[in-house]
Amino acid sequence: MVKPLVGIVMGSDSDLNIMQGAAKILDELGVASEIIISSAHRVPEQTAQYAKTAEERGLEVIIAGAGMAAHLPGVIAAMTPLPVIGVPIQSGALSGVDALYAIVQMPPGIPVATVAVNGAKNAGILAAQILSVKYPQIRDNIKQYKVKMEDEVQAKAAKLAELGIEGYLKSKK
């Protein structure tokens, strides 16, 4: 088994449908990851243990997703020297805006990189880009991924030019 370089943490299993986006893109980019559920509020000791031992277990980046008060990314960042990427999860009465503010407004000395609400895929890409500074193969995989995205957009543009608006929209159904 390949040692994971990225830890993906979420506060609840209800976040899994979003956070799997990080795991999928990391896998596509050739980056091994682990994924766990650990709440900063409901199992604080477990969360602290995970954060404090992450570096010695070989992790190099942590992605943490949380909704509402969204303390998980900041709590983890406070307990590890590793870079932490926060994913605000759309939930609760404020639809993720509260989580976004909670994650992005960290106090000086405890930074958490923050992506868009439900932006787990971008968190995975950012984690891979951080790792690519050290691992040339990951950098090459990111370059290939960007070429693939470019090719997909160009194919869609050509299809739209060929079919026109109505034909293009009908072909997507």
Protein backbone atom coordinates (compact mmCIF):
# COMPACT_ATOMS: atom_id res chain seq x y z
CA MET A 1 0.00 0.00 0.00
CA VAL A 2 1.22 3.49 -0.86
CA LYS A 3 1.68 5.80 2.11
CA PRO A 4 -0.89 8.63 2.06
CA LEU A 5 0.48 12.15 1.65
CA VAL A 6 -2.85 13.92 2.15
CA GLY A 7 -5.27 13.52 5.01
CA ILE A 8 -8.91 14.34 4.29
CA VAL A 9 -10.96 15.01 7.41
CA MET A 10 -14.63 15.83 7.76
CA GLY A 11 -16.72 16.54 10.81
CA SER A 12 -19.67 14.35 9.80
CA ASP A 13 -20.59 11.61 7.37
CA SER A 14 -23.07 14.05 5.86
CA ASP A 15 -20.01 15.83 4.39
CA LEU A 16 -18.77 12.72 2.59
CA ASN A 17 -20.65 13.37 -0.66
CA ILE A 18 -18.74 16.68 -0.96
CA MET A 19 -15.38 15.59 0.46
CA GLN A 20 -15.13 12.58 -1.83
CA GLY A 21 -14.37 15.13 -4.56
CA ALA A 22 -10.97 15.74 -2.96
CA ALA A 23 -10.23 12.01 -2.73
CA LYS A 24 -11.25 11.39 -6.35
CA ILE A 25 -9.13 14.18 -7.85
CA LEU A 26 -6.12 13.26 -5.68
CA ASP A 27 -6.43 9.69 -6.93
CA GLU A 28 -6.64 10.95 -10.53
CA LEU A 29 -3.49 13.03 -9.94
CA GLY A 30 -1.63 10.06 -8.46
CA VAL A 31 -1.60 11.29 -4.87
CA ALA A 32 -2.35 8.79 -2.11
CA SER A 33 -4.76 10.01 0.55
CA GLU A 34 -6.65 8.84 3.60
CA ILE A 35 -10.13 9.97 4.60
CA ILE A 36 -11.65 10.04 8.07
CA ILE A 37 -14.53 11.46 10.09
CA SER A 38 -13.44 13.38 13.18
CA SER A 39 -15.40 16.21 14.74
CA ALA A 40 -13.69 19.10 16.51
CA HIS A 41 -16.72 19.36 18.80
CA ARG A 42 -17.94 15.78 19.30
CA VAL A 43 -14.57 13.96 19.48
CA PRO A 44 -12.05 16.72 20.24
CA GLU A 45 -9.43 14.36 21.71
CA GLN A 46 -9.51 12.17 18.58
CA THR A 47 -9.24 15.24 16.35
CA ALA A 48 -6.30 16.57 18.36
CA GLN A 49 -4.53 13.20 18.20
CA TYR A 50 -5.03 13.03 14.43
CA ALA A 51 -3.63 16.54 13.92
CA LYS A 52 -0.71 16.14 16.31
CA THR A 53 0.44 12.84 14.78
CA ALA A 54 -0.19 13.69 11.11
CA GLU A 55 3.40 14.70 10.33
CA GLU A 56 5.01 11.69 12.00
CA ARG A 57 2.59 9.41 10.12
CA GLY A 58 3.88 10.84 6.83
CA LEU A 59 1.09 13.21 5.87
CA GLU A 60 2.24 16.40 4.16
CA VAL A 61 -1.05 18.28 3.63
CA ILE A 62 -4.44 18.10 5.36
CA ILE A 63 -7.80 18.96 3.82
CA ALA A 64 -10.54 19.57 6.38
CA GLY A 65 -14.18 20.09 5.53
CA ALA A 66 -16.79 21.45 7.90
CA GLY A 67 -20.14 23.18 7.87
CA MET A 68 -21.80 25.77 10.07
CA ALA A 69 -19.34 26.90 12.79
CA ALA A 70 -16.61 25.07 10.81
CA HIS A 71 -14.01 24.87 13.56
CA LEU A 72 -12.42 21.67 12.29
CA PRO A 73 -9.90 23.17 9.82
CA GLY A 74 -8.71 25.78 12.32
CA VAL A 75 -8.45 23.33 15.20
CA ILE A 76 -6.34 21.04 13.04
CA ALA A 77 -4.20 23.93 11.80
CA ALA A 78 -3.54 24.97 15.40
CA MET A 79 -2.11 21.53 16.20
CA THR A 80 0.08 20.73 13.18
CA PRO A 81 2.85 22.45 11.22
CA LEU A 82 1.42 20.99 7.99
CA PRO A 83 -0.52 23.12 5.51
CA VAL A 84 -4.28 22.85 6.04
CA ILE A 85 -6.86 23.51 3.35
CA GLY A 86 -10.37 24.24 4.58
CA VAL A 87 -13.50 23.29 2.66
CA PRO A 88 -16.60 25.13 3.85
CA ILE A 89 -19.59 22.81 3.51
CA GLN A 90 -22.99 24.15 2.46
CA SER A 91 -25.29 23.44 5.39
CA GLY A 92 -27.50 25.07 7.97
CA ALA A 93 -29.52 28.24 7.83
CA LEU A 94 -26.75 30.26 6.16
CA SER A 95 -26.03 27.70 3.40
CA GLY A 96 -22.30 27.57 3.99
CA VAL A 97 -21.57 31.29 4.28
CA ASP A 98 -21.06 30.87 8.03
CA ALA A 99 -18.59 28.03 7.36
CA LEU A 100 -16.77 30.11 4.76
CA TYR A 101 -16.36 33.03 7.17
CA ALA A 102 -15.32 30.74 10.03
CA ILE A 103 -12.59 29.10 7.95
CA VAL A 104 -11.27 32.14 6.11
CA GLN A 105 -11.15 34.39 9.22
CA MET A 106 -8.40 32.57 11.11
CA PRO A 107 -6.33 34.50 13.65
CA PRO A 108 -2.76 35.55 12.82
CA GLY A 109 -0.34 32.65 13.03
CA ILE A 110 -2.89 29.91 12.27
CA PRO A 111 -3.49 30.12 8.50
CA VAL A 112 -5.94 27.87 6.71
CA ALA A 113 -6.04 28.01 2.93
CA THR A 114 -9.72 28.21 2.01
CA VAL A 115 -11.56 27.13 -1.13
CA ALA A 116 -15.13 27.82 -2.24
CA VAL A 117 -18.16 26.45 -0.46
CA ASN A 118 -18.30 22.73 -1.37
CA GLY A 119 -14.97 23.17 -3.20
CA ALA A 120 -13.43 19.84 -2.18
CA LYS A 121 -12.22 19.11 -5.72
CA ASN A 122 -10.25 22.36 -5.78
CA ALA A 123 -8.90 21.55 -2.31
CA GLY A 124 -7.57 18.29 -3.73
CA ILE A 125 -5.98 20.07 -6.67
CA LEU A 126 -4.43 22.68 -4.35
CA ALA A 127 -3.04 19.92 -2.11
CA ALA A 128 -1.50 18.26 -5.16
CA GLN A 129 -0.02 21.58 -6.29
CA ILE A 130 1.54 22.09 -2.85
CA LEU A 131 3.03 18.60 -3.04
CA SER A 132 4.23 19.18 -6.61
CA VAL A 133 6.92 21.50 -5.30
CA LYS A 134 8.58 18.40 -3.83
CA TYR A 135 7.33 15.65 -6.18
CA PRO A 136 7.98 16.21 -9.92
CA GLN A 137 5.68 13.32 -10.91
CA ILE A 138 2.73 15.01 -9.24
CA ARG A 139 3.62 18.24 -11.08
CA ASP A 140 3.64 16.33 -14.38
CA ASN A 141 0.25 14.80 -13.51
CA ILE A 142 -1.16 18.28 -12.82
CA LYS A 143 0.15 19.52 -16.17
CA GLN A 144 -1.52 16.56 -17.92
CA TYR A 145 -4.77 17.26 -16.04
CA LYS A 146 -4.74 20.89 -17.21
CA VAL A 147 -4.17 19.80 -20.82
CA LYS A 148 -7.11 17.39 -20.45
CA MET A 149 -9.33 20.24 -19.19
CA GLU A 150 -8.24 22.41 -22.11
CA ASP A 151 -9.05 19.64 -24.59
CA GLU A 152 -12.49 19.15 -23.04
CA VAL A 153 -13.34 22.85 -23.33
CA GLN A 154 -12.13 23.00 -26.92
CA ALA A 155 -14.24 19.93 -27.81
CA LYS A 156 -17.32 21.56 -26.26
CA ALA A 157 -16.67 24.80 -28.14
CA ALA A 158 -16.35 22.91 -31.43
CA LYS A 159 -19.56 20.99 -30.72
CA LEU A 160 -21.43 24.23 -29.94
CA ALA A 161 -20.13 25.80 -33.16
CA GLU A 162 -21.28 22.73 -35.12
CA LEU A 163 -24.71 22.22 -33.53
CA GLY A 164 -25.72 25.73 -32.48
CA ILE A 165 -27.33 26.54 -29.16
CA GLU A 166 -30.49 24.44 -29.47
CA GLY A 167 -28.72 21.42 -30.93
CA TYR A 168 -26.00 21.58 -28.28
CA LEU A 169 -28.52 21.76 -25.44
CA LYS A 170 -30.55 18.88 -26.91
CA SER A 171 -27.40 16.75 -27.18
CA LYS A 172 -26.74 17.21 -23.45
CA LYS A 173 -30.09 15.67 -22.42
